[in-house]
């Protein structure tokens, strides 16, 4: 429960402007989504500076946003399982991103 106080939260008006600004600051932008060319989580090369975008549980992340991200990543799942709850998915992804550097 104490980790919430350690999170750096920022609110921005325009996601496209924000993504471009973060890229100029040296961040690699990852989107969590299942696509034909998304990278399996265990194969992702995680840089020191990263941003992870999570989408809506029902709608995912729009194609327009995916196109401006550096890489799309998905969690490998058991056959027949389509997706995880966004909270569970975010937890798995952030744990891997945090502890693979």
PDB file of N, CA and C in Angstrom:
ATOM      1  N   UNK A   1       0.803  -1.191   0.000  1.00  0.00           N
ATOM      2  CA  UNK A   1       0.000   0.000   0.000  1.00  0.00           C
ATOM      3  C   UNK A   1       0.852   1.265   0.000  1.00  0.00           C
ATOM      4  N   UNK A   2       2.037   1.202   0.546  1.00  0.00           N
ATOM      5  CA  UNK A   2       2.882   2.374   0.628  1.00  0.00           C
ATOM      6  C   UNK A   2       3.475   2.820  -0.693  1.00  0.00           C
ATOM      7  N   UNK A   3       3.436   1.968  -1.701  1.00  0.00           N
ATOM      8  CA  UNK A   3       4.050   2.320  -2.979  1.00  0.00           C
ATOM      9  C   UNK A   3       3.321   3.431  -3.719  1.00  0.00           C
ATOM     10  N   UNK A   4       2.048   3.606  -3.451  1.00  0.00           N
ATOM     11  CA  UNK A   4       1.304   4.654  -4.148  1.00  0.00           C
ATOM     12  C   UNK A   4       1.937   6.021  -3.902  1.00  0.00           C
ATOM     13  N   UNK A   5       2.534   6.210  -2.749  1.00  0.00           N
ATOM     14  CA  UNK A   5       3.165   7.497  -2.452  1.00  0.00           C
ATOM     15  C   UNK A   5       4.480   7.679  -3.213  1.00  0.00           C
ATOM     16  N   UNK A   6       4.995   6.633  -3.803  1.00  0.00           N
ATOM     17  CA  UNK A   6       6.237   6.709  -4.568  1.00  0.00           C
ATOM     18  C   UNK A   6       6.017   6.876  -6.067  1.00  0.00           C
ATOM     19  N   UNK A   7       4.785   6.738  -6.508  1.00  0.00           N
ATOM     20  CA  UNK A   7       4.489   6.869  -7.937  1.00  0.00           C
ATOM     21  C   UNK A   7       4.592   8.321  -8.373  1.00  0.00           C
ATOM     22  N   UNK A   8       5.133   8.516  -9.558  1.00  0.00           N
ATOM     23  CA  UNK A   8       5.186   9.850 -10.144  1.00  0.00           C
ATOM     24  C   UNK A   8       4.017   9.956 -11.113  1.00  0.00           C
ATOM     25  N   UNK A   9       3.032  10.737 -10.758  1.00  0.00           N
ATOM     26  CA  UNK A   9       1.832  10.871 -11.563  1.00  0.00           C
ATOM     27  C   UNK A   9       1.792  12.269 -12.166  1.00  0.00           C
ATOM     28  N   UNK A  10       1.540  12.331 -13.459  1.00  0.00           N
ATOM     29  CA  UNK A  10       1.414  13.600 -14.162  1.00  0.00           C
ATOM     30  C   UNK A  10       0.148  13.536 -15.006  1.00  0.00           C
ATOM     31  N   UNK A  11      -0.532  14.657 -15.113  1.00  0.00           N
ATOM     32  CA  UNK A  11      -1.729  14.731 -15.943  1.00  0.00           C
ATOM     33  C   UNK A  11      -1.442  15.672 -17.101  1.00  0.00           C
ATOM     34  N   UNK A  12      -1.721  15.203 -18.315  1.00  0.00           N
ATOM     35  CA  UNK A  12      -1.450  15.974 -19.515  1.00  0.00           C
ATOM     36  C   UNK A  12      -2.728  16.140 -20.316  1.00  0.00           C
ATOM     37  N   UNK A  13      -2.780  17.178 -21.125  1.00  0.00           N
ATOM     38  CA  UNK A  13      -3.965  17.473 -21.929  1.00  0.00           C
ATOM     39  C   UNK A  13      -3.983  16.716 -23.256  1.00  0.00           C
ATOM     40  N   UNK A  14      -2.829  16.544 -23.897  1.00  0.00           N
ATOM     41  CA  UNK A  14      -2.761  15.968 -25.243  1.00  0.00           C
ATOM     42  C   UNK A  14      -1.745  14.832 -25.245  1.00  0.00           C
ATOM     43  N   UNK A  15      -2.215  13.613 -25.411  1.00  0.00           N
ATOM     44  CA  UNK A  15      -1.324  12.454 -25.329  1.00  0.00           C
ATOM     45  C   UNK A  15      -0.261  12.462 -26.427  1.00  0.00           C
ATOM     46  N   UNK A  16      -0.596  12.965 -27.602  1.00  0.00           N
ATOM     47  CA  UNK A  16       0.368  12.974 -28.703  1.00  0.00           C
ATOM     48  C   UNK A  16       1.511  13.943 -28.427  1.00  0.00           C
ATOM     49  N   UNK A  17       1.197  15.118 -27.914  1.00  0.00           N
ATOM     50  CA  UNK A  17       2.218  16.093 -27.536  1.00  0.00           C
ATOM     51  C   UNK A  17       3.062  15.527 -26.391  1.00  0.00           C
ATOM     52  N   UNK A  18       2.409  14.882 -25.448  1.00  0.00           N
ATOM     53  CA  UNK A  18       3.105  14.300 -24.299  1.00  0.00           C
ATOM     54  C   UNK A  18       4.076  13.211 -24.737  1.00  0.00           C
ATOM     55  N   UNK A  19       3.637  12.325 -25.613  1.00  0.00           N
ATOM     56  CA  UNK A  19       4.515  11.248 -26.093  1.00  0.00           C
ATOM     57  C   UNK A  19       5.735  11.842 -26.785  1.00  0.00           C
ATOM     58  N   UNK A  20       5.528  12.830 -27.639  1.00  0.00           N
ATOM     59  CA  UNK A  20       6.666  13.453 -28.329  1.00  0.00           C
ATOM     60  C   UNK A  20       7.627  14.100 -27.339  1.00  0.00           C
ATOM     61  N   UNK A  21       7.094  14.775 -26.338  1.00  0.00           N
ATOM     62  CA  UNK A  21       7.938  15.421 -25.317  1.00  0.00           C
ATOM     63  C   UNK A  21       8.751  14.371 -24.555  1.00  0.00           C
ATOM     64  N   UNK A  22       8.114  13.283 -24.165  1.00  0.00           N
ATOM     65  CA  UNK A  22       8.815  12.220 -23.441  1.00  0.00           C
ATOM     66  C   UNK A  22       9.917  11.602 -24.295  1.00  0.00           C
ATOM     67  N   UNK A  23       9.657  11.451 -25.589  1.00  0.00           N
ATOM     68  CA  UNK A  23      10.681  10.913 -26.483  1.00  0.00           C
ATOM     69  C   UNK A  23      11.888  11.839 -26.541  1.00  0.00           C
ATOM     70  N   UNK A  24      11.646  13.161 -26.588  1.00  0.00           N
ATOM     71  CA  UNK A  24      12.775  14.101 -26.623  1.00  0.00           C
ATOM     72  C   UNK A  24      13.562  14.076 -25.320  1.00  0.00           C
ATOM     73  N   UNK A  25      12.944  13.604 -24.249  1.00  0.00           N
ATOM     74  CA  UNK A  25      13.612  13.490 -22.949  1.00  0.00           C
ATOM     75  C   UNK A  25      14.334  12.145 -22.807  1.00  0.00           C
ATOM     76  N   UNK A  26      14.294  11.327 -23.867  1.00  0.00           N
ATOM     77  CA  UNK A  26      15.020  10.068 -23.860  1.00  0.00           C
ATOM     78  C   UNK A  26      14.232   8.850 -23.414  1.00  0.00           C
ATOM     79  N   UNK A  27      12.925   8.985 -23.271  1.00  0.00           N
ATOM     80  CA  UNK A  27      12.104   7.844 -22.876  1.00  0.00           C
ATOM     81  C   UNK A  27      11.703   7.025 -24.089  1.00  0.00           C
ATOM     82  N   UNK A  28      11.650   5.709 -23.903  1.00  0.00           N
ATOM     83  CA  UNK A  28      11.095   4.823 -24.925  1.00  0.00           C
ATOM     84  C   UNK A  28       9.653   4.555 -24.517  1.00  0.00           C
ATOM     85  N   UNK A  29       8.746   4.720 -25.456  1.00  0.00           N
ATOM     86  CA  UNK A  29       7.316   4.607 -25.168  1.00  0.00           C
ATOM     87  C   UNK A  29       6.817   3.223 -25.580  1.00  0.00           C
ATOM     88  N   UNK A  30       6.322   2.484 -24.608  1.00  0.00           N
ATOM     89  CA  UNK A  30       5.757   1.156 -24.831  1.00  0.00           C
ATOM     90  C   UNK A  30       4.246   1.228 -24.665  1.00  0.00           C
ATOM     91  N   UNK A  31       3.524   0.517 -25.511  1.00  0.00           N
ATOM     92  CA  UNK A  31       2.077   0.378 -25.384  1.00  0.00           C
ATOM     93  C   UNK A  31       1.771  -1.085 -25.101  1.00  0.00           C
ATOM     94  N   UNK A  32       0.896  -1.331 -24.168  1.00  0.00           N
ATOM     95  CA  UNK A  32       0.481  -2.701 -23.845  1.00  0.00           C
ATOM     96  C   UNK A  32      -0.769  -3.030 -24.650  1.00  0.00           C
ATOM     97  N   UNK A  33      -0.588  -3.883 -25.636  1.00  0.00           N
ATOM     98  CA  UNK A  33      -1.705  -4.235 -26.524  1.00  0.00           C
ATOM     99  C   UNK A  33      -1.333  -5.505 -27.284  1.00  0.00           C
ATOM    100  N   UNK A  34      -2.328  -6.280 -27.641  1.00  0.00           N
ATOM    101  CA  UNK A  34      -2.084  -7.471 -28.459  1.00  0.00           C
ATOM    102  C   UNK A  34      -2.328  -7.080 -29.916  1.00  0.00           C
ATOM    103  N   UNK A  35      -1.253  -7.118 -30.717  1.00  0.00           N
ATOM    104  CA  UNK A  35      -1.358  -6.834 -32.149  1.00  0.00           C
ATOM    105  C   UNK A  35      -0.591  -7.924 -32.897  1.00  0.00           C
ATOM    106  N   UNK A  36      -0.710  -7.919 -34.217  1.00  0.00           N
ATOM    107  CA  UNK A  36      -0.009  -8.928 -35.016  1.00  0.00           C
ATOM    108  C   UNK A  36       1.504  -8.845 -34.855  1.00  0.00           C
ATOM    109  N   UNK A  37       2.028  -7.645 -34.620  1.00  0.00           N
ATOM    110  CA  UNK A  37       3.484  -7.491 -34.525  1.00  0.00           C
ATOM    111  C   UNK A  37       3.959  -7.056 -33.138  1.00  0.00           C
ATOM    112  N   UNK A  38       3.118  -7.243 -32.105  1.00  0.00           N
ATOM    113  CA  UNK A  38       3.549  -6.875 -30.752  1.00  0.00           C
ATOM    114  C   UNK A  38       4.618  -7.847 -30.258  1.00  0.00           C
ATOM    115  N   UNK A  39       5.467  -7.344 -29.385  1.00  0.00           N
ATOM    116  CA  UNK A  39       6.585  -8.110 -28.842  1.00  0.00           C
ATOM    117  C   UNK A  39       6.149  -8.831 -27.572  1.00  0.00           C
ATOM    118  N   UNK A  40       6.429 -10.127 -27.459  1.00  0.00           N
ATOM    119  CA  UNK A  40       6.134 -10.823 -26.206  1.00  0.00           C
ATOM    120  C   UNK A  40       6.937 -10.193 -25.051  1.00  0.00           C
ATOM    121  N   UNK A  41       6.320 -10.073 -23.918  1.00  0.00           N
ATOM    122  CA  UNK A  41       6.928  -9.413 -22.764  1.00  0.00           C
ATOM    123  C   UNK A  41       8.321  -9.949 -22.432  1.00  0.00           C
ATOM    124  N   UNK A  42       8.505 -11.235 -22.483  1.00  0.00           N
ATOM    125  CA  UNK A  42       9.805 -11.811 -22.104  1.00  0.00           C
ATOM    126  C   UNK A  42      10.901 -11.528 -23.126  1.00  0.00           C
ATOM    127  N   UNK A  43      10.547 -11.007 -24.302  1.00  0.00           N
ATOM    128  CA  UNK A  43      11.542 -10.688 -25.326  1.00  0.00           C
ATOM    129  C   UNK A  43      11.850  -9.193 -25.414  1.00  0.00           C
ATOM    130  N   UNK A  44      11.163  -8.384 -24.625  1.00  0.00           N
ATOM    131  CA  UNK A  44      11.345  -6.935 -24.685  1.00  0.00           C
ATOM    132  C   UNK A  44      12.700  -6.556 -24.093  1.00  0.00           C
ATOM    133  N   UNK A  45      13.418  -5.709 -24.806  1.00  0.00           N
ATOM    134  CA  UNK A  45      14.673  -5.130 -24.312  1.00  0.00           C
ATOM    135  C   UNK A  45      14.284  -3.833 -23.605  1.00  0.00           C
ATOM    136  N   UNK A  46      14.428  -3.814 -22.310  1.00  0.00           N
ATOM    137  CA  UNK A  46      13.926  -2.702 -21.519  1.00  0.00           C
ATOM    138  C   UNK A  46      15.040  -1.689 -21.259  1.00  0.00           C
ATOM    139  N   UNK A  47      14.838  -0.454 -21.726  1.00  0.00           N
ATOM    140  CA  UNK A  47      15.846   0.585 -21.524  1.00  0.00           C
ATOM    141  C   UNK A  47      15.756   1.155 -20.100  1.00  0.00           C
ATOM    142  N   UNK A  48      16.691   2.010 -19.781  1.00  0.00           N
ATOM    143  CA  UNK A  48      16.683   2.633 -18.455  1.00  0.00           C
ATOM    144  C   UNK A  48      15.491   3.572 -18.278  1.00  0.00           C
ATOM    145  N   UNK A  49      15.141   4.312 -19.337  1.00  0.00           N
ATOM    146  CA  UNK A  49      14.038   5.266 -19.262  1.00  0.00           C
ATOM    147  C   UNK A  49      12.885   4.768 -20.136  1.00  0.00           C
ATOM    148  N   UNK A  50      11.761   4.490 -19.504  1.00  0.00           N
ATOM    149  CA  UNK A  50      10.631   3.958 -20.243  1.00  0.00           C
ATOM    150  C   UNK A  50       9.317   4.509 -19.723  1.00  0.00           C
ATOM    151  N   UNK A  51       8.322   4.458 -20.608  1.00  0.00           N
ATOM    152  CA  UNK A  51       6.944   4.819 -20.271  1.00  0.00           C
ATOM    153  C   UNK A  51       6.074   3.677 -20.776  1.00  0.00           C
ATOM    154  N   UNK A  52       5.108   3.288 -19.967  1.00  0.00           N
ATOM    155  CA  UNK A  52       4.212   2.196 -20.338  1.00  0.00           C
ATOM    156  C   UNK A  52       2.783   2.721 -20.405  1.00  0.00           C
ATOM    157  N   UNK A  53       2.165   2.594 -21.572  1.00  0.00           N
ATOM    158  CA  UNK A  53       0.773   3.018 -21.752  1.00  0.00           C
ATOM    159  C   UNK A  53      -0.143   1.802 -21.644  1.00  0.00           C
ATOM    160  N   UNK A  54      -1.160   1.927 -20.827  1.00  0.00           N
ATOM    161  CA  UNK A  54      -2.167   0.886 -20.666  1.00  0.00           C
ATOM    162  C   UNK A  54      -3.474   1.432 -21.235  1.00  0.00           C
ATOM    163  N   UNK A  55      -4.222   0.586 -21.913  1.00  0.00           N
ATOM    164  CA  UNK A  55      -5.466   1.028 -22.530  1.00  0.00           C
ATOM    165  C   UNK A  55      -6.692   0.672 -21.712  1.00  0.00           C
ATOM    166  N   UNK A  56      -7.813   1.047 -22.243  1.00  0.00           N
ATOM    167  CA  UNK A  56      -9.116   0.737 -21.675  1.00  0.00           C
ATOM    168  C   UNK A  56      -9.334  -0.775 -21.752  1.00  0.00           C
ATOM    169  N   UNK A  57      -9.929  -1.358 -20.721  1.00  0.00           N
ATOM    170  CA  UNK A  57     -10.124  -2.813 -20.707  1.00  0.00           C
ATOM    171  C   UNK A  57     -10.947  -3.318 -21.873  1.00  0.00           C
ATOM    172  N   UNK A  58     -11.911  -2.569 -22.306  1.00  0.00           N
ATOM    173  CA  UNK A  58     -12.760  -3.017 -23.411  1.00  0.00           C
ATOM    174  C   UNK A  58     -12.294  -2.566 -24.775  1.00  0.00           C
ATOM    175  N   UNK A  59     -11.722  -1.353 -24.854  1.00  0.00           N
ATOM    176  CA  UNK A  59     -11.372  -0.775 -26.146  1.00  0.00           C
ATOM    177  C   UNK A  59      -9.885  -0.815 -26.466  1.00  0.00           C
ATOM    178  N   UNK A  60      -9.057  -1.041 -25.476  1.00  0.00           N
ATOM    179  CA  UNK A  60      -7.612  -1.071 -25.712  1.00  0.00           C
ATOM    180  C   UNK A  60      -7.058   0.315 -25.983  1.00  0.00           C
ATOM    181  N   UNK A  61      -5.990   0.373 -26.779  1.00  0.00           N
ATOM    182  CA  UNK A  61      -5.333   1.625 -27.152  1.00  0.00           C
ATOM    183  C   UNK A  61      -5.607   1.870 -28.634  1.00  0.00           C
ATOM    184  N   UNK A  62      -5.947   3.091 -28.972  1.00  0.00           N
ATOM    185  CA  UNK A  62      -6.303   3.391 -30.362  1.00  0.00           C
ATOM    186  C   UNK A  62      -5.121   3.171 -31.303  1.00  0.00           C
ATOM    187  N   UNK A  63      -5.443   2.890 -32.542  1.00  0.00           N
ATOM    188  CA  UNK A  63      -4.429   2.681 -33.580  1.00  0.00           C
ATOM    189  C   UNK A  63      -3.536   3.912 -33.717  1.00  0.00           C
ATOM    190  N   UNK A  64      -4.128   5.098 -33.612  1.00  0.00           N
ATOM    191  CA  UNK A  64      -3.368   6.344 -33.749  1.00  0.00           C
ATOM    192  C   UNK A  64      -2.309   6.481 -32.653  1.00  0.00           C
ATOM    193  N   UNK A  65      -2.651   6.076 -31.459  1.00  0.00           N
ATOM    194  CA  UNK A  65      -1.679   6.136 -30.357  1.00  0.00           C
ATOM    195  C   UNK A  65      -0.628   5.044 -30.526  1.00  0.00           C
ATOM    196  N   UNK A  66      -1.053   3.842 -30.904  1.00  0.00           N
ATOM    197  CA  UNK A  66      -0.084   2.754 -31.114  1.00  0.00           C
ATOM    198  C   UNK A  66       0.965   3.155 -32.147  1.00  0.00           C
ATOM    199  N   UNK A  67       0.555   3.882 -33.173  1.00  0.00           N
ATOM    200  CA  UNK A  67       1.477   4.266 -34.246  1.00  0.00           C
ATOM    201  C   UNK A  67       2.576   5.223 -33.784  1.00  0.00           C
ATOM    202  N   UNK A  68       2.349   5.997 -32.731  1.00  0.00           N
ATOM    203  CA  UNK A  68       3.375   6.930 -32.266  1.00  0.00           C
ATOM    204  C   UNK A  68       4.226   6.351 -31.132  1.00  0.00           C
ATOM    205  N   UNK A  69       3.863   5.170 -30.662  1.00  0.00           N
ATOM    206  CA  UNK A  69       4.672   4.509 -29.626  1.00  0.00           C
ATOM    207  C   UNK A  69       5.885   3.849 -30.278  1.00  0.00           C
ATOM    208  N   UNK A  70       6.923   3.636 -29.486  1.00  0.00           N
ATOM    209  CA  UNK A  70       8.128   3.000 -30.009  1.00  0.00           C
ATOM    210  C   UNK A  70       7.963   1.495 -30.173  1.00  0.00           C
ATOM    211  N   UNK A  71       7.199   0.891 -29.272  1.00  0.00           N
ATOM    212  CA  UNK A  71       7.035  -0.569 -29.328  1.00  0.00           C
ATOM    213  C   UNK A  71       5.730  -0.954 -28.653  1.00  0.00           C
ATOM    214  N   UNK A  72       5.097  -1.982 -29.200  1.00  0.00           N
ATOM    215  CA  UNK A  72       3.883  -2.545 -28.606  1.00  0.00           C
ATOM    216  C   UNK A  72       4.265  -3.886 -28.005  1.00  0.00           C
ATOM    217  N   UNK A  73       3.845  -4.105 -26.780  1.00  0.00           N
ATOM    218  CA  UNK A  73       4.225  -5.315 -26.051  1.00  0.00           C
ATOM    219  C   UNK A  73       2.969  -6.034 -25.554  1.00  0.00           C
ATOM    220  N   UNK A  74       3.050  -7.361 -25.531  1.00  0.00           N
ATOM    221  CA  UNK A  74       1.931  -8.133 -24.985  1.00  0.00           C
ATOM    222  C   UNK A  74       2.455  -9.175 -23.998  1.00  0.00           C
ATOM    223  N   UNK A  75       1.582  -9.597 -23.108  1.00  0.00           N
ATOM    224  CA  UNK A  75       1.914 -10.631 -22.129  1.00  0.00           C
ATOM    225  C   UNK A  75       1.564 -11.978 -22.736  1.00  0.00           C
ATOM    226  N   UNK A  76       2.512 -12.890 -22.696  1.00  0.00           N
ATOM    227  CA  UNK A  76       2.248 -14.233 -23.193  1.00  0.00           C
ATOM    228  C   UNK A  76       1.210 -14.883 -22.277  1.00  0.00           C
ATOM    229  N   UNK A  77       0.207 -15.520 -22.890  1.00  0.00           N
ATOM    230  CA  UNK A  77      -0.870 -16.120 -22.104  1.00  0.00           C
ATOM    231  C   UNK A  77      -1.136 -17.546 -22.552  1.00  0.00           C
ATOM    232  N   UNK A  78      -1.791 -18.270 -21.680  1.00  0.00           N
ATOM    233  CA  UNK A  78      -2.192 -19.626 -21.995  1.00  0.00           C
ATOM    234  C   UNK A  78      -3.164 -19.595 -23.167  1.00  0.00           C
ATOM    235  N   UNK A  79      -3.081 -20.584 -24.029  1.00  0.00           N
ATOM    236  CA  UNK A  79      -3.977 -20.652 -25.181  1.00  0.00           C
ATOM    237  C   UNK A  79      -5.429 -20.600 -24.724  1.00  0.00           C
ATOM    238  N   UNK A  80      -6.216 -19.813 -25.423  1.00  0.00           N
ATOM    239  CA  UNK A  80      -7.622 -19.671 -25.078  1.00  0.00           C
ATOM    240  C   UNK A  80      -7.909 -18.494 -24.158  1.00  0.00           C
ATOM    241  N   UNK A  81      -6.866 -17.910 -23.569  1.00  0.00           N
ATOM    242  CA  UNK A  81      -7.036 -16.733 -22.718  1.00  0.00           C
ATOM    243  C   UNK A  81      -6.772 -15.514 -23.587  1.00  0.00           C
ATOM    244  N   UNK A  82      -7.748 -14.612 -23.693  1.00  0.00           N
ATOM    245  CA  UNK A  82      -7.627 -13.465 -24.588  1.00  0.00           C
ATOM    246  C   UNK A  82      -6.908 -12.298 -23.929  1.00  0.00           C
ATOM    247  N   UNK A  83      -7.179 -12.055 -22.654  1.00  0.00           N
ATOM    248  CA  UNK A  83      -6.566 -10.902 -22.006  1.00  0.00           C
ATOM    249  C   UNK A  83      -6.669 -11.007 -20.494  1.00  0.00           C
ATOM    250  N   UNK A  84      -5.929 -10.133 -19.820  1.00  0.00           N
ATOM    251  CA  UNK A  84      -6.001  -9.998 -18.373  1.00  0.00           C
ATOM    252  C   UNK A  84      -6.756  -8.714 -18.034  1.00  0.00           C
ATOM    253  N   UNK A  85      -7.259  -8.636 -16.845  1.00  0.00           N
ATOM    254  CA  UNK A  85      -7.776  -7.395 -16.294  1.00  0.00           C
ATOM    255  C   UNK A  85      -6.653  -6.370 -16.361  1.00  0.00           C
ATOM    256  N   UNK A  86      -6.963  -5.107 -16.656  1.00  0.00           N
ATOM    257  CA  UNK A  86      -5.918  -4.097 -16.861  1.00  0.00           C
ATOM    258  C   UNK A  86      -5.045  -3.915 -15.616  1.00  0.00           C
ATOM    259  N   UNK A  87      -5.605  -4.058 -14.430  1.00  0.00           N
ATOM    260  CA  UNK A  87      -4.811  -3.945 -13.203  1.00  0.00           C
ATOM    261  C   UNK A  87      -3.803  -5.074 -13.082  1.00  0.00           C
ATOM    262  N   UNK A  88      -4.228  -6.290 -13.399  1.00  0.00           N
ATOM    263  CA  UNK A  88      -3.331  -7.446 -13.361  1.00  0.00           C
ATOM    264  C   UNK A  88      -2.263  -7.298 -14.434  1.00  0.00           C
ATOM    265  N   UNK A  89      -2.668  -6.927 -15.636  1.00  0.00           N
ATOM    266  CA  UNK A  89      -1.709  -6.753 -16.733  1.00  0.00           C
ATOM    267  C   UNK A  89      -0.680  -5.680 -16.396  1.00  0.00           C
ATOM    268  N   UNK A  90      -1.137  -4.556 -15.866  1.00  0.00           N
ATOM    269  CA  UNK A  90      -0.217  -3.477 -15.505  1.00  0.00           C
ATOM    270  C   UNK A  90       0.783  -3.947 -14.450  1.00  0.00           C
ATOM    271  N   UNK A  91       0.322  -4.705 -13.489  1.00  0.00           N
ATOM    272  CA  UNK A  91       1.206  -5.223 -12.439  1.00  0.00           C
ATOM    273  C   UNK A  91       2.288  -6.129 -13.020  1.00  0.00           C
ATOM    274  N   UNK A  92       1.893  -7.042 -13.887  1.00  0.00           N
ATOM    275  CA  UNK A  92       2.860  -7.954 -14.504  1.00  0.00           C
ATOM    276  C   UNK A  92       3.875  -7.193 -15.357  1.00  0.00           C
ATOM    277  N   UNK A  93       3.388  -6.285 -16.172  1.00  0.00           N
ATOM    278  CA  UNK A  93       4.266  -5.516 -17.047  1.00  0.00           C
ATOM    279  C   UNK A  93       5.232  -4.642 -16.257  1.00  0.00           C
ATOM    280  N   UNK A  94       4.723  -3.910 -15.279  1.00  0.00           N
ATOM    281  CA  UNK A  94       5.601  -3.016 -14.506  1.00  0.00           C
ATOM    282  C   UNK A  94       6.626  -3.790 -13.697  1.00  0.00           C
ATOM    283  N   UNK A  95       6.254  -4.942 -13.171  1.00  0.00           N
ATOM    284  CA  UNK A  95       7.227  -5.752 -12.435  1.00  0.00           C
ATOM    285  C   UNK A  95       8.363  -6.164 -13.351  1.00  0.00           C
ATOM    286  N   UNK A  96       8.028  -6.643 -14.528  1.00  0.00           N
ATOM    287  CA  UNK A  96       9.056  -7.057 -15.506  1.00  0.00           C
ATOM    288  C   UNK A  96       9.919  -5.866 -15.945  1.00  0.00           C
ATOM    289  N   UNK A  97       9.286  -4.736 -16.205  1.00  0.00           N
ATOM    290  CA  UNK A  97      10.038  -3.555 -16.634  1.00  0.00           C
ATOM    291  C   UNK A  97      10.946  -3.049 -15.520  1.00  0.00           C
ATOM    292  N   UNK A  98      10.479  -3.069 -14.314  1.00  0.00           N
ATOM    293  CA  UNK A  98      11.248  -2.546 -13.184  1.00  0.00           C
ATOM    294  C   UNK A  98      12.439  -3.439 -12.838  1.00  0.00           C
ATOM    295  N   UNK A  99      12.266  -4.738 -12.904  1.00  0.00           N
ATOM    296  CA  UNK A  99      13.305  -5.641 -12.412  1.00  0.00           C
ATOM    297  C   UNK A  99      14.092  -6.331 -13.502  1.00  0.00           C
ATOM    298  N   UNK A 100      14.066  -5.828 -14.736  1.00  0.00           N
ATOM    299  CA  UNK A 100      14.884  -6.413 -15.794  1.00  0.00           C
ATOM    300  C   UNK A 100      16.061  -5.552 -16.185  1.00  0.00           C
ATOM    301  N   UNK A 101      16.171  -4.402 -15.603  1.00  0.00           N
ATOM    302  CA  UNK A 101      17.268  -3.485 -15.983  1.00  0.00           C
ATOM    303  C   UNK A 101      18.579  -4.021 -15.415  1.00  0.00           C
TER     304      UNK A 101
END
